[in-house]
Amino acid sequence: MAEVMRPMWALVLLLGGLTVAPAGALADSGPPPQRVVYHVDTADADEQRAALRVIGNHLSDVGDDNVDARVILQGAGVSMLLPPGIHGRGLSGNGGDRIQVRIDDLKIRGVRFYVCDNSLDRRGIEAREILYDTAPEDIVQSGLAEIVRLQSAGYTYVKL
């Protein structure tokens, strides 16, 4: 009988040493947010609207809280934020109501927009305050350098 008791006592001691974790501690917090940098460098207004639609679809498919999205407007893509009627060395503004509404929606959903300062300079766009809903901290010196920086920080590159 003593031989039977020893394994049971060992089991009791083993189980007694275990701690019970709170219910939330074992819950799966899910995957980390997807980190994406979207690169827009086209002057075509239809393509710009399509790019904004694709970004919105991505957020809708994955969930706004599951995506950390950045948009880099570089080259001719800066026209997305220029008001209609504003021109800059071969570039016309596409930032009319339709694009502004889409930008506002994406910003509300957490998307950050950055503008390449080199692209603005190359096109003779000196008045940064005319860019739609753009603060000084939204202007990066080099769109390409910002894309590379974000990629090295773990962002996935998507060319739109």
N, C-alpha and C. Protein backbone atom coordinates (compact mmCIF):
# COMPACT_ATOMS: atom_id res chain seq x y z
N MET A 1 0.81 -1.19 0.00
CA MET A 1 0.00 0.00 0.00
C MET A 1 0.86 1.27 0.00
N ALA A 2 1.95 1.23 0.74
CA ALA A 2 2.84 2.38 0.79
C ALA A 2 3.43 2.67 -0.59
N GLU A 3 3.68 1.59 -1.36
CA GLU A 3 4.22 1.78 -2.70
C GLU A 3 3.23 2.50 -3.60
N VAL A 4 1.93 2.26 -3.44
CA VAL A 4 0.90 2.91 -4.24
C VAL A 4 0.78 4.38 -3.86
N MET A 5 0.96 4.71 -2.60
CA MET A 5 0.79 6.07 -2.11
C MET A 5 1.89 7.00 -2.62
N ARG A 6 3.10 6.47 -2.77
CA ARG A 6 4.20 7.33 -3.20
C ARG A 6 3.93 8.00 -4.54
N PRO A 7 3.51 7.27 -5.58
CA PRO A 7 3.22 7.96 -6.84
C PRO A 7 2.10 8.97 -6.71
N MET A 8 1.10 8.68 -5.90
CA MET A 8 0.00 9.63 -5.72
C MET A 8 0.48 10.90 -5.05
N TRP A 9 1.35 10.74 -4.01
CA TRP A 9 1.88 11.92 -3.33
C TRP A 9 2.75 12.74 -4.28
N ALA A 10 3.49 12.04 -5.11
CA ALA A 10 4.31 12.75 -6.08
C ALA A 10 3.44 13.55 -7.04
N LEU A 11 2.32 12.95 -7.44
CA LEU A 11 1.40 13.63 -8.33
C LEU A 11 0.78 14.84 -7.65
N VAL A 12 0.39 14.69 -6.39
CA VAL A 12 -0.20 15.79 -5.64
C VAL A 12 0.82 16.92 -5.49
N LEU A 13 2.07 16.58 -5.18
CA LEU A 13 3.09 17.61 -5.04
C LEU A 13 3.36 18.31 -6.37
N LEU A 14 3.38 17.53 -7.44
CA LEU A 14 3.60 18.11 -8.76
C LEU A 14 2.48 19.07 -9.12
N LEU A 15 1.25 18.64 -8.96
CA LEU A 15 0.11 19.49 -9.29
C LEU A 15 0.01 20.69 -8.37
N GLY A 16 0.39 20.52 -7.14
CA GLY A 16 0.35 21.62 -6.18
C GLY A 16 1.32 22.72 -6.54
N GLY A 17 2.38 22.37 -7.24
CA GLY A 17 3.37 23.35 -7.66
C GLY A 17 2.96 24.16 -8.87
N LEU A 18 1.93 23.72 -9.57
CA LEU A 18 1.47 24.45 -10.75
C LEU A 18 0.64 25.64 -10.34
N THR A 19 0.74 26.70 -11.07
CA THR A 19 -0.08 27.87 -10.81
C THR A 19 -1.09 28.01 -11.93
N VAL A 20 -2.19 28.58 -11.59
CA VAL A 20 -3.23 28.80 -12.58
C VAL A 20 -3.12 30.22 -13.09
N ALA A 21 -3.01 30.36 -14.39
CA ALA A 21 -2.90 31.69 -15.00
C ALA A 21 -4.28 32.30 -15.11
N PRO A 22 -4.37 33.62 -14.99
CA PRO A 22 -5.67 34.27 -15.20
C PRO A 22 -6.18 33.96 -16.61
N ALA A 23 -7.49 33.95 -16.74
CA ALA A 23 -8.10 33.58 -18.02
C ALA A 23 -7.58 34.43 -19.17
N GLY A 24 -7.40 35.71 -18.97
CA GLY A 24 -6.94 36.60 -20.04
C GLY A 24 -5.49 36.38 -20.45
N ALA A 25 -4.69 35.79 -19.54
CA ALA A 25 -3.28 35.62 -19.83
C ALA A 25 -3.05 34.60 -20.93
N LEU A 26 -3.94 33.66 -21.06
CA LEU A 26 -3.78 32.63 -22.08
C LEU A 26 -4.51 32.97 -23.37
N ALA A 27 -5.29 34.03 -23.34
CA ALA A 27 -6.05 34.41 -24.54
C ALA A 27 -5.09 34.86 -25.64
N ASP A 28 -5.40 34.48 -26.86
CA ASP A 28 -4.58 34.87 -28.00
C ASP A 28 -4.88 36.32 -28.36
N SER A 29 -3.83 37.15 -28.35
CA SER A 29 -4.04 38.56 -28.66
C SER A 29 -4.10 38.79 -30.16
N GLY A 30 -3.94 37.75 -30.95
CA GLY A 30 -4.02 37.86 -32.39
C GLY A 30 -2.70 38.30 -32.98
N PRO A 31 -2.64 38.31 -34.29
CA PRO A 31 -1.40 38.70 -34.95
C PRO A 31 -1.16 40.20 -34.79
N PRO A 32 0.09 40.61 -34.88
CA PRO A 32 0.37 42.05 -34.81
C PRO A 32 -0.20 42.73 -36.05
N PRO A 33 -0.42 44.04 -35.98
CA PRO A 33 -0.95 44.75 -37.15
C PRO A 33 -0.03 44.60 -38.36
N GLN A 34 -0.64 44.53 -39.53
CA GLN A 34 0.14 44.54 -40.76
C GLN A 34 0.70 45.94 -40.93
N ARG A 35 1.96 46.02 -41.30
CA ARG A 35 2.62 47.31 -41.50
C ARG A 35 2.89 47.45 -42.99
N VAL A 36 2.26 48.47 -43.60
CA VAL A 36 2.31 48.62 -45.05
C VAL A 36 2.65 50.05 -45.42
N VAL A 37 3.55 50.19 -46.41
CA VAL A 37 3.83 51.50 -46.99
C VAL A 37 3.39 51.43 -48.45
N TYR A 38 2.44 52.29 -48.79
CA TYR A 38 1.92 52.37 -50.16
C TYR A 38 2.64 53.51 -50.88
N HIS A 39 3.11 53.24 -52.08
CA HIS A 39 3.86 54.22 -52.86
C HIS A 39 3.00 54.67 -54.04
N VAL A 40 2.67 55.96 -54.08
CA VAL A 40 1.88 56.52 -55.18
C VAL A 40 2.74 57.57 -55.87
N ASP A 41 3.01 57.34 -57.17
CA ASP A 41 3.82 58.30 -57.92
C ASP A 41 3.23 58.63 -59.29
N THR A 42 1.94 58.42 -59.45
CA THR A 42 1.27 58.72 -60.71
C THR A 42 0.50 60.04 -60.62
N ALA A 43 0.43 60.75 -61.73
CA ALA A 43 -0.35 61.99 -61.80
C ALA A 43 -1.77 61.75 -62.28
N ASP A 44 -2.08 60.54 -62.68
CA ASP A 44 -3.39 60.22 -63.22
C ASP A 44 -4.43 60.18 -62.09
N ALA A 45 -5.42 61.05 -62.16
CA ALA A 45 -6.43 61.16 -61.09
C ALA A 45 -7.21 59.86 -60.91
N ASP A 46 -7.54 59.17 -62.00
CA ASP A 46 -8.27 57.91 -61.88
C ASP A 46 -7.42 56.86 -61.16
N GLU A 47 -6.14 56.82 -61.47
CA GLU A 47 -5.25 55.87 -60.80
C GLU A 47 -5.07 56.24 -59.32
N GLN A 48 -5.04 57.52 -59.03
CA GLN A 48 -4.93 57.96 -57.64
C GLN A 48 -6.17 57.56 -56.84
N ARG A 49 -7.35 57.78 -57.43
CA ARG A 49 -8.59 57.37 -56.75
C ARG A 49 -8.62 55.85 -56.56
N ALA A 50 -8.15 55.12 -57.57
CA ALA A 50 -8.10 53.66 -57.47
C ALA A 50 -7.15 53.24 -56.34
N ALA A 51 -6.02 53.93 -56.22
CA ALA A 51 -5.07 53.62 -55.15
C ALA A 51 -5.72 53.83 -53.78
N LEU A 52 -6.43 54.93 -53.62
CA LEU A 52 -7.11 55.21 -52.35
C LEU A 52 -8.18 54.16 -52.07
N ARG A 53 -8.87 53.72 -53.12
CA ARG A 53 -9.89 52.67 -52.97
C ARG A 53 -9.24 51.36 -52.52
N VAL A 54 -8.11 51.00 -53.11
CA VAL A 54 -7.40 49.77 -52.74
C VAL A 54 -6.99 49.81 -51.27
N ILE A 55 -6.48 50.95 -50.84
CA ILE A 55 -6.08 51.09 -49.44
C ILE A 55 -7.30 50.92 -48.52
N GLY A 56 -8.40 51.57 -48.89
CA GLY A 56 -9.63 51.41 -48.11
C GLY A 56 -10.12 49.98 -48.06
N ASN A 57 -10.03 49.28 -49.20
CA ASN A 57 -10.42 47.86 -49.24
C ASN A 57 -9.53 47.02 -48.33
N HIS A 58 -8.24 47.32 -48.33
CA HIS A 58 -7.32 46.59 -47.46
C HIS A 58 -7.73 46.76 -46.00
N LEU A 59 -8.01 48.00 -45.60
CA LEU A 59 -8.44 48.25 -44.23
C LEU A 59 -9.74 47.52 -43.91
N SER A 60 -10.68 47.54 -44.84
CA SER A 60 -11.96 46.87 -44.63
C SER A 60 -11.79 45.36 -44.50
N ASP A 61 -10.91 44.79 -45.32
CA ASP A 61 -10.71 43.34 -45.30
C ASP A 61 -10.01 42.87 -44.03
N VAL A 62 -9.03 43.63 -43.56
CA VAL A 62 -8.22 43.19 -42.42
C VAL A 62 -8.71 43.80 -41.11
N GLY A 63 -9.33 44.96 -41.20
CA GLY A 63 -9.77 45.68 -40.01
C GLY A 63 -8.87 46.87 -39.76
N ASP A 64 -9.46 48.00 -39.52
CA ASP A 64 -8.69 49.24 -39.33
C ASP A 64 -7.61 49.11 -38.26
N ASP A 65 -7.94 48.40 -37.16
CA ASP A 65 -7.00 48.26 -36.06
C ASP A 65 -5.90 47.24 -36.34
N ASN A 66 -6.01 46.54 -37.45
CA ASN A 66 -5.04 45.50 -37.79
C ASN A 66 -4.08 45.92 -38.89
N VAL A 67 -4.08 47.22 -39.23
CA VAL A 67 -3.20 47.72 -40.27
C VAL A 67 -2.57 49.03 -39.81
N ASP A 68 -1.26 49.12 -39.95
CA ASP A 68 -0.53 50.37 -39.74
C ASP A 68 -0.09 50.79 -41.13
N ALA A 69 -0.82 51.72 -41.75
CA ALA A 69 -0.61 52.07 -43.15
C ALA A 69 -0.05 53.47 -43.30
N ARG A 70 0.92 53.58 -44.20
CA ARG A 70 1.53 54.85 -44.56
C ARG A 70 1.46 54.99 -46.08
N VAL A 71 1.17 56.18 -46.56
CA VAL A 71 1.14 56.46 -47.99
C VAL A 71 2.22 57.48 -48.28
N ILE A 72 3.09 57.15 -49.23
CA ILE A 72 4.13 58.08 -49.65
C ILE A 72 3.74 58.62 -51.02
N LEU A 73 3.53 59.92 -51.10
CA LEU A 73 3.24 60.58 -52.38
C LEU A 73 4.56 61.16 -52.87
N GLN A 74 5.03 60.59 -53.97
CA GLN A 74 6.35 60.93 -54.49
C GLN A 74 6.24 61.16 -55.98
N GLY A 75 7.14 61.94 -56.54
CA GLY A 75 7.10 62.22 -57.97
C GLY A 75 5.79 62.92 -58.32
N ALA A 76 5.19 62.48 -59.42
CA ALA A 76 3.93 63.09 -59.87
C ALA A 76 2.77 62.80 -58.93
N GLY A 77 2.95 61.87 -57.99
CA GLY A 77 1.89 61.54 -57.02
C GLY A 77 1.52 62.69 -56.11
N VAL A 78 2.41 63.69 -55.99
CA VAL A 78 2.09 64.84 -55.14
C VAL A 78 0.88 65.61 -55.67
N SER A 79 0.54 65.40 -56.93
CA SER A 79 -0.63 66.08 -57.51
C SER A 79 -1.92 65.69 -56.80
N MET A 80 -1.91 64.58 -56.08
CA MET A 80 -3.09 64.15 -55.34
C MET A 80 -3.53 65.20 -54.31
N LEU A 81 -2.58 65.96 -53.80
CA LEU A 81 -2.88 66.94 -52.76
C LEU A 81 -2.94 68.37 -53.25
N LEU A 82 -2.67 68.57 -54.54
CA LEU A 82 -2.75 69.93 -55.10
C LEU A 82 -4.18 70.25 -55.49
N PRO A 83 -4.65 71.44 -55.16
CA PRO A 83 -6.01 71.83 -55.56
C PRO A 83 -6.11 71.90 -57.09
N PRO A 84 -7.30 71.58 -57.61
CA PRO A 84 -7.50 71.72 -59.06
C PRO A 84 -7.19 73.15 -59.49
N GLY A 85 -6.60 73.28 -60.65
CA GLY A 85 -6.25 74.61 -61.14
C GLY A 85 -4.85 75.04 -60.77
N ILE A 86 -4.22 74.33 -59.84
CA ILE A 86 -2.83 74.62 -59.48
C ILE A 86 -1.93 73.75 -60.34
N HIS A 87 -0.92 74.36 -60.89
CA HIS A 87 -0.01 73.64 -61.77
C HIS A 87 1.42 73.78 -61.28
N GLY A 88 2.20 72.77 -61.59
CA GLY A 88 3.61 72.82 -61.25
C GLY A 88 4.40 72.02 -62.26
N ARG A 89 5.17 72.66 -63.06
CA ARG A 89 6.03 72.03 -64.07
C ARG A 89 5.51 70.69 -64.58
N GLY A 90 4.53 70.76 -65.45
CA GLY A 90 3.98 69.55 -66.07
C GLY A 90 3.03 68.77 -65.18
N LEU A 91 2.54 69.37 -64.14
CA LEU A 91 1.70 68.68 -63.17
C LEU A 91 0.47 69.54 -62.87
N SER A 92 -0.70 68.92 -62.91
CA SER A 92 -1.94 69.62 -62.56
C SER A 92 -2.51 69.02 -61.29
N GLY A 93 -3.14 69.88 -60.49
CA GLY A 93 -3.71 69.42 -59.23
C GLY A 93 -4.91 68.50 -59.42
N ASN A 94 -4.91 67.40 -58.69
CA ASN A 94 -6.02 66.44 -58.69
C ASN A 94 -6.79 66.43 -57.37
N GLY A 95 -6.39 67.27 -56.44
CA GLY A 95 -6.95 67.22 -55.09
C GLY A 95 -8.33 67.82 -54.97
N GLY A 96 -9.25 67.42 -55.84
CA GLY A 96 -10.62 67.89 -55.76
C GLY A 96 -11.41 67.16 -54.69
N ASP A 97 -12.70 67.45 -54.65
CA ASP A 97 -13.58 66.91 -53.61
C ASP A 97 -13.57 65.38 -53.53
N ARG A 98 -13.59 64.70 -54.67
CA ARG A 98 -13.65 63.23 -54.65
C ARG A 98 -12.42 62.62 -53.99
N ILE A 99 -11.27 63.16 -54.29
CA ILE A 99 -10.04 62.64 -53.69
C ILE A 99 -9.96 63.08 -52.22
N GLN A 100 -10.34 64.31 -51.92
CA GLN A 100 -10.28 64.79 -50.55
C GLN A 100 -11.15 63.96 -49.61
N VAL A 101 -12.33 63.59 -50.06
CA VAL A 101 -13.22 62.77 -49.23
C VAL A 101 -12.57 61.42 -48.93
N ARG A 102 -11.94 60.82 -49.93
CA ARG A 102 -11.28 59.52 -49.72
C ARG A 102 -10.08 59.66 -48.78
N ILE A 103 -9.32 60.73 -48.94
CA ILE A 103 -8.19 60.96 -48.05
C ILE A 103 -8.68 61.14 -46.62
N ASP A 104 -9.72 61.97 -46.43
CA ASP A 104 -10.28 62.19 -45.10
C ASP A 104 -10.72 60.87 -44.46
N ASP A 105 -11.40 60.03 -45.23
CA ASP A 105 -11.87 58.75 -44.71
C ASP A 105 -10.69 57.89 -44.25
N LEU A 106 -9.65 57.82 -45.07
CA LEU A 106 -8.49 56.99 -44.72
C LEU A 106 -7.76 57.56 -43.51
N LYS A 107 -7.66 58.86 -43.41
CA LYS A 107 -7.00 59.46 -42.24
C LYS A 107 -7.78 59.17 -40.97
N ILE A 108 -9.09 59.24 -41.04
CA ILE A 108 -9.93 58.91 -39.89
C ILE A 108 -9.68 57.46 -39.45
N ARG A 109 -9.41 56.62 -40.42
CA ARG A 109 -9.17 55.20 -40.16
C ARG A 109 -7.73 54.91 -39.76
N GLY A 110 -6.89 55.94 -39.66
CA GLY A 110 -5.54 55.78 -39.14
C GLY A 110 -4.42 55.80 -40.15
N VAL A 111 -4.73 56.01 -41.43
CA VAL A 111 -3.69 56.03 -42.46
C VAL A 111 -2.95 57.36 -42.40
N ARG A 112 -1.61 57.30 -42.48
CA ARG A 112 -0.78 58.50 -42.50
C ARG A 112 -0.31 58.76 -43.92
N PHE A 113 -0.34 60.02 -44.35
CA PHE A 113 0.11 60.43 -45.67
C PHE A 113 1.37 61.27 -45.53
N TYR A 114 2.36 60.96 -46.36
CA TYR A 114 3.61 61.72 -46.40
C TYR A 114 3.87 62.20 -47.81
N VAL A 115 4.46 63.39 -47.93
CA VAL A 115 4.72 64.01 -49.23
C VAL A 115 6.22 64.22 -49.37
N CYS A 116 6.74 63.88 -50.54
CA CYS A 116 8.16 64.04 -50.85
C CYS A 116 8.49 65.51 -51.14
N ASP A 117 9.33 66.09 -50.31
CA ASP A 117 9.73 67.48 -50.49
C ASP A 117 10.56 67.67 -51.76
N ASN A 118 11.40 66.70 -52.08
CA ASN A 118 12.19 66.79 -53.32
C ASN A 118 11.28 66.87 -54.54
N SER A 119 10.19 66.10 -54.52
CA SER A 119 9.24 66.12 -55.65
C SER A 119 8.56 67.47 -55.77
N LEU A 120 8.23 68.08 -54.65
CA LEU A 120 7.62 69.41 -54.67
C LEU A 120 8.60 70.43 -55.24
N ASP A 121 9.85 70.37 -54.77
CA ASP A 121 10.88 71.31 -55.27
C ASP A 121 11.09 71.14 -56.77
N ARG A 122 11.18 69.90 -57.23
CA ARG A 122 11.44 69.62 -58.64
C ARG A 122 10.33 70.18 -59.52
N ARG A 123 9.13 70.28 -58.99
CA ARG A 123 7.99 70.76 -59.76
C ARG A 123 7.68 72.23 -59.49
N GLY A 124 8.53 72.88 -58.73
CA GLY A 124 8.36 74.31 -58.47
C GLY A 124 7.18 74.62 -57.57
N ILE A 125 6.78 73.69 -56.72
CA ILE A 125 5.66 73.92 -55.79
C ILE A 125 6.26 74.37 -54.47
N GLU A 126 6.25 75.67 -54.27
CA GLU A 126 6.90 76.24 -53.09
C GLU A 126 5.94 76.45 -51.93
N ALA A 127 4.68 76.69 -52.21
CA ALA A 127 3.70 76.97 -51.16
C ALA A 127 3.16 75.66 -50.59
N ARG A 128 3.85 75.14 -49.58
CA ARG A 128 3.46 73.85 -48.99
C ARG A 128 2.06 73.91 -48.36
N GLU A 129 1.65 75.12 -47.96
CA GLU A 129 0.34 75.26 -47.30
C GLU A 129 -0.83 75.04 -48.25
N ILE A 130 -0.59 74.98 -49.56
CA ILE A 130 -1.70 74.73 -50.49
C ILE A 130 -2.01 73.23 -50.61
N LEU A 131 -1.13 72.39 -50.09
CA LEU A 131 -1.37 70.94 -50.15
C LEU A 131 -2.52 70.59 -49.22
N TYR A 132 -3.43 69.75 -49.69
CA TYR A 132 -4.62 69.42 -48.92
C TYR A 132 -4.26 68.72 -47.61
N ASP A 133 -4.73 69.26 -46.50
CA ASP A 133 -4.64 68.66 -45.17
C ASP A 133 -3.23 68.11 -44.88
N THR A 134 -2.22 68.93 -45.16
CA THR A 134 -0.84 68.51 -44.96
C THR A 134 -0.17 69.42 -43.95
N ALA A 135 0.32 68.81 -42.87
CA ALA A 135 1.05 69.54 -41.85
C ALA A 135 2.54 69.46 -42.16
N PRO A 136 3.34 70.35 -41.61
CA PRO A 136 4.78 70.31 -41.86
C PRO A 136 5.41 68.94 -41.57
N GLU A 137 4.92 68.25 -40.56
CA GLU A 137 5.49 66.93 -40.22
C GLU A 137 5.10 65.84 -41.23
N ASP A 138 4.19 66.15 -42.13
CA ASP A 138 3.80 65.19 -43.18
C ASP A 138 4.71 65.28 -44.40
N ILE A 139 5.60 66.25 -44.42
CA ILE A 139 6.50 66.42 -45.56
C ILE A 139 7.85 65.81 -45.19
N VAL A 140 8.28 64.84 -45.98
CA VAL A 140 9.57 64.19 -45.77
C VAL A 140 10.53 64.67 -46.85
N GLN A 141 11.79 64.76 -46.53
CA GLN A 141 12.78 65.26 -47.49
C GLN A 141 12.78 64.43 -48.76
N SER A 142 12.85 63.12 -48.60
CA SER A 142 12.91 62.22 -49.75
C SER A 142 11.89 61.11 -49.59
N GLY A 143 10.97 61.01 -50.55
CA GLY A 143 9.98 59.94 -50.50
C GLY A 143 10.63 58.57 -50.57
N LEU A 144 11.63 58.44 -51.42
CA LEU A 144 12.31 57.16 -51.56
C LEU A 144 13.03 56.77 -50.26
N ALA A 145 13.72 57.72 -49.66
CA ALA A 145 14.41 57.43 -48.39
C ALA A 145 13.41 57.02 -47.31
N GLU A 146 12.24 57.66 -47.30
CA GLU A 146 11.21 57.30 -46.31
C GLU A 146 10.68 55.90 -46.56
N ILE A 147 10.50 55.53 -47.82
CA ILE A 147 10.06 54.17 -48.15
C ILE A 147 11.08 53.15 -47.65
N VAL A 148 12.35 53.41 -47.92
CA VAL A 148 13.41 52.48 -47.50
C VAL A 148 13.46 52.41 -45.97
N ARG A 149 13.32 53.55 -45.30
CA ARG A 149 13.33 53.57 -43.83
C ARG A 149 12.18 52.72 -43.28
N LEU A 150 10.99 52.89 -43.86
CA LEU A 150 9.84 52.12 -43.39
C LEU A 150 10.01 50.64 -43.68
N GLN A 151 10.56 50.30 -44.84
CA GLN A 151 10.81 48.89 -45.14
C GLN A 151 11.79 48.28 -44.14
N SER A 152 12.83 49.02 -43.79
CA SER A 152 13.79 48.49 -42.83
C SER A 152 13.18 48.38 -41.43
N ALA A 153 12.09 49.10 -41.19
CA ALA A 153 11.36 49.00 -39.92
C ALA A 153 10.28 47.92 -39.97
N GLY A 154 10.23 47.16 -41.07
CA GLY A 154 9.30 46.04 -41.13
C GLY A 154 8.04 46.28 -41.93
N TYR A 155 7.93 47.40 -42.62
CA TYR A 155 6.75 47.68 -43.44
C TYR A 155 6.88 46.96 -44.77
N THR A 156 5.75 46.45 -45.26
CA THR A 156 5.70 45.82 -46.57
C THR A 156 5.45 46.90 -47.61
N TYR A 157 6.20 46.86 -48.69
CA TYR A 157 6.09 47.85 -49.77
C TYR A 157 5.02 47.42 -50.77
N VAL A 158 4.11 48.35 -51.09
CA VAL A 158 3.10 48.12 -52.10
C VAL A 158 3.10 49.31 -53.04
N LYS A 159 3.36 49.06 -54.30
CA LYS A 159 3.36 50.11 -55.34
C LYS A 159 1.96 50.22 -55.92
N LEU A 160 1.36 51.39 -55.82
CA LEU A 160 0.03 51.61 -56.38
C LEU A 160 0.09 52.65 -57.48
